[in-house]
Amino acid sequence: IVIEGAVGDTVSILPFSGDLEGVSTEGLEYSLSDSEVKLGTSLGVSNRMTEDTCKITIKKGTALVIRSKD
């Protein structure tokens, strides 16, 4: 998924129905590279965009992705 926004916007990646596998991000302050994000953990919550677009790739699982402006 590619998300358009603005530098400083908050992006959260939340596992929806189980753990996520192979999560990689680009254009976010705290990048992930082929990471596992477990349901119920805070990994993936409240990241900040460093560019006007960011890219999130998930190899396995379903996620709720939220972009918000503060």
N, C-alpha and C. Protein backbone atom coordinates (compact mmCIF):
# COMPACT_ATOMS: atom_id res chain seq x y z
N ILE A 1 0.85 -1.17 0.00
CA ILE A 1 0.00 0.00 0.00
C ILE A 1 0.90 1.23 0.00
N VAL A 2 0.50 2.24 -0.73
CA VAL A 2 1.20 3.54 -0.73
C VAL A 2 0.23 4.55 -0.11
N ILE A 3 0.71 5.28 0.87
CA ILE A 3 -0.11 6.27 1.57
C ILE A 3 0.42 7.66 1.25
N GLU A 4 -0.47 8.54 0.82
CA GLU A 4 -0.10 9.93 0.58
C GLU A 4 -0.52 10.77 1.78
N GLY A 5 0.32 11.70 2.14
CA GLY A 5 0.04 12.57 3.28
C GLY A 5 1.04 13.69 3.31
N ALA A 6 1.54 14.00 4.49
CA ALA A 6 2.52 15.07 4.66
C ALA A 6 3.55 14.64 5.69
N VAL A 7 4.73 15.22 5.58
CA VAL A 7 5.78 14.95 6.56
C VAL A 7 5.23 15.25 7.95
N GLY A 8 5.40 14.32 8.88
CA GLY A 8 4.93 14.50 10.26
C GLY A 8 3.61 13.82 10.55
N ASP A 9 2.86 13.42 9.50
CA ASP A 9 1.61 12.69 9.75
C ASP A 9 1.93 11.38 10.47
N THR A 10 1.02 10.94 11.31
CA THR A 10 1.19 9.71 12.07
C THR A 10 0.57 8.55 11.31
N VAL A 11 1.31 7.44 11.26
CA VAL A 11 0.83 6.23 10.61
C VAL A 11 0.97 5.07 11.60
N SER A 12 -0.10 4.32 11.75
CA SER A 12 -0.08 3.13 12.60
C SER A 12 -0.46 1.91 11.78
N ILE A 13 0.23 0.81 12.03
CA ILE A 13 -0.04 -0.47 11.38
C ILE A 13 -0.46 -1.43 12.48
N LEU A 14 -1.74 -1.81 12.48
CA LEU A 14 -2.28 -2.64 13.55
C LEU A 14 -2.72 -4.00 13.00
N PRO A 15 -2.18 -5.09 13.54
CA PRO A 15 -2.66 -6.41 13.13
C PRO A 15 -4.15 -6.52 13.41
N PHE A 16 -4.90 -7.05 12.45
CA PHE A 16 -6.36 -7.07 12.55
C PHE A 16 -6.91 -8.40 13.05
N SER A 17 -6.40 -9.50 12.53
CA SER A 17 -6.98 -10.79 12.91
C SER A 17 -5.91 -11.83 13.20
N GLY A 18 -4.74 -11.39 13.61
CA GLY A 18 -3.62 -12.28 13.90
C GLY A 18 -2.32 -11.56 13.62
N ASP A 19 -1.21 -12.25 13.81
CA ASP A 19 0.10 -11.66 13.61
C ASP A 19 0.35 -11.32 12.15
N LEU A 20 1.21 -10.33 11.92
CA LEU A 20 1.64 -9.95 10.58
C LEU A 20 3.06 -10.45 10.37
N GLU A 21 3.34 -10.93 9.17
CA GLU A 21 4.68 -11.40 8.84
C GLU A 21 5.21 -10.65 7.63
N GLY A 22 6.51 -10.43 7.61
CA GLY A 22 7.15 -9.79 6.46
C GLY A 22 6.75 -8.35 6.26
N VAL A 23 6.66 -7.58 7.35
CA VAL A 23 6.26 -6.17 7.26
C VAL A 23 7.49 -5.31 6.96
N SER A 24 7.42 -4.55 5.88
CA SER A 24 8.49 -3.62 5.51
C SER A 24 7.88 -2.26 5.24
N THR A 25 8.61 -1.21 5.62
CA THR A 25 8.11 0.15 5.40
C THR A 25 9.20 1.02 4.79
N GLU A 26 8.75 2.05 4.06
CA GLU A 26 9.63 3.07 3.51
C GLU A 26 8.95 4.42 3.74
N GLY A 27 9.75 5.44 4.05
CA GLY A 27 9.21 6.78 4.23
C GLY A 27 8.63 7.04 5.61
N LEU A 28 8.98 6.17 6.58
CA LEU A 28 8.55 6.36 7.96
C LEU A 28 9.77 6.52 8.85
N GLU A 29 9.63 7.24 9.95
CA GLU A 29 10.75 7.51 10.85
C GLU A 29 11.38 6.23 11.37
N TYR A 30 10.56 5.29 11.80
CA TYR A 30 11.05 4.01 12.31
C TYR A 30 10.71 2.95 11.28
N SER A 31 11.70 2.56 10.49
CA SER A 31 11.43 1.63 9.41
C SER A 31 11.43 0.19 9.91
N LEU A 32 10.68 -0.64 9.21
CA LEU A 32 10.65 -2.07 9.45
C LEU A 32 11.14 -2.77 8.20
N SER A 33 11.85 -3.87 8.38
CA SER A 33 12.36 -4.63 7.24
C SER A 33 12.09 -6.11 7.47
N ASP A 34 11.10 -6.65 6.75
CA ASP A 34 10.72 -8.05 6.85
C ASP A 34 10.48 -8.47 8.30
N SER A 35 9.77 -7.61 9.05
CA SER A 35 9.54 -7.80 10.48
C SER A 35 8.24 -8.52 10.77
N GLU A 36 8.15 -9.06 11.97
CA GLU A 36 6.91 -9.66 12.46
C GLU A 36 6.27 -8.66 13.43
N VAL A 37 4.98 -8.42 13.25
CA VAL A 37 4.23 -7.54 14.15
C VAL A 37 3.14 -8.40 14.78
N LYS A 38 3.26 -8.62 16.08
CA LYS A 38 2.32 -9.50 16.78
C LYS A 38 1.07 -8.73 17.22
N LEU A 39 -0.05 -9.41 17.16
CA LEU A 39 -1.32 -8.87 17.61
C LEU A 39 -1.20 -8.49 19.08
N GLY A 40 -1.58 -7.26 19.44
CA GLY A 40 -1.57 -6.82 20.82
C GLY A 40 -0.29 -6.12 21.27
N THR A 41 0.71 -6.01 20.37
CA THR A 41 1.94 -5.29 20.73
C THR A 41 1.89 -3.87 20.18
N SER A 42 2.82 -3.04 20.65
CA SER A 42 2.83 -1.65 20.22
C SER A 42 3.73 -1.40 19.01
N LEU A 43 4.44 -2.41 18.53
CA LEU A 43 5.28 -2.25 17.35
C LEU A 43 4.38 -1.89 16.17
N GLY A 44 4.71 -0.81 15.49
CA GLY A 44 3.90 -0.37 14.36
C GLY A 44 2.93 0.75 14.69
N VAL A 45 2.86 1.15 15.95
CA VAL A 45 1.92 2.18 16.38
C VAL A 45 2.60 3.54 16.42
N SER A 46 1.94 4.56 15.92
CA SER A 46 2.36 5.96 16.02
C SER A 46 3.73 6.24 15.40
N ASN A 47 3.91 5.82 14.17
CA ASN A 47 5.11 6.16 13.42
C ASN A 47 4.87 7.48 12.70
N ARG A 48 5.92 8.15 12.26
CA ARG A 48 5.78 9.45 11.60
C ARG A 48 6.31 9.39 10.17
N MET A 49 5.57 10.02 9.27
CA MET A 49 6.00 10.08 7.88
C MET A 49 7.18 11.04 7.75
N THR A 50 8.22 10.62 6.99
CA THR A 50 9.39 11.46 6.73
C THR A 50 9.36 12.03 5.32
N GLU A 51 8.37 11.61 4.54
CA GLU A 51 8.18 12.07 3.16
C GLU A 51 6.69 12.27 2.94
N ASP A 52 6.31 12.77 1.77
CA ASP A 52 4.89 12.98 1.47
C ASP A 52 4.16 11.69 1.12
N THR A 53 4.90 10.61 0.88
CA THR A 53 4.30 9.30 0.67
C THR A 53 5.10 8.28 1.46
N CYS A 54 4.43 7.22 1.87
CA CYS A 54 5.13 6.10 2.51
C CYS A 54 4.59 4.81 1.90
N LYS A 55 5.39 3.77 1.99
CA LYS A 55 5.02 2.48 1.43
C LYS A 55 5.08 1.42 2.52
N ILE A 56 4.03 0.60 2.58
CA ILE A 56 3.95 -0.49 3.55
C ILE A 56 3.70 -1.78 2.79
N THR A 57 4.52 -2.78 3.05
CA THR A 57 4.37 -4.09 2.43
C THR A 57 4.19 -5.13 3.53
N ILE A 58 3.20 -6.00 3.36
CA ILE A 58 2.94 -7.08 4.32
C ILE A 58 2.84 -8.38 3.54
N LYS A 59 3.69 -9.35 3.87
CA LYS A 59 3.69 -10.61 3.15
C LYS A 59 2.55 -11.53 3.60
N LYS A 60 2.23 -11.50 4.90
CA LYS A 60 1.17 -12.40 5.39
C LYS A 60 0.43 -11.74 6.55
N GLY A 61 -0.90 -11.77 6.48
CA GLY A 61 -1.74 -11.22 7.54
C GLY A 61 -2.58 -10.06 7.03
N THR A 62 -3.50 -9.64 7.89
CA THR A 62 -4.39 -8.53 7.58
C THR A 62 -4.16 -7.43 8.61
N ALA A 63 -4.04 -6.20 8.13
CA ALA A 63 -3.75 -5.08 9.02
C ALA A 63 -4.73 -3.94 8.80
N LEU A 64 -4.93 -3.18 9.85
CA LEU A 64 -5.63 -1.91 9.80
C LEU A 64 -4.55 -0.84 9.78
N VAL A 65 -4.52 -0.02 8.73
CA VAL A 65 -3.51 1.03 8.60
C VAL A 65 -4.22 2.38 8.74
N ILE A 66 -3.73 3.19 9.66
CA ILE A 66 -4.36 4.48 9.96
C ILE A 66 -3.35 5.60 9.75
N ARG A 67 -3.73 6.61 8.98
CA ARG A 67 -2.93 7.83 8.86
C ARG A 67 -3.72 8.96 9.48
N SER A 68 -3.09 9.68 10.38
CA SER A 68 -3.78 10.81 11.00
C SER A 68 -2.88 12.03 11.01
N LYS A 69 -3.50 13.19 11.01
CA LYS A 69 -2.80 14.46 11.09
C LYS A 69 -2.92 14.97 12.52
N ASP A 70 -1.82 15.39 13.08
CA ASP A 70 -1.85 15.93 14.46
C ASP A 70 -1.88 17.42 14.45
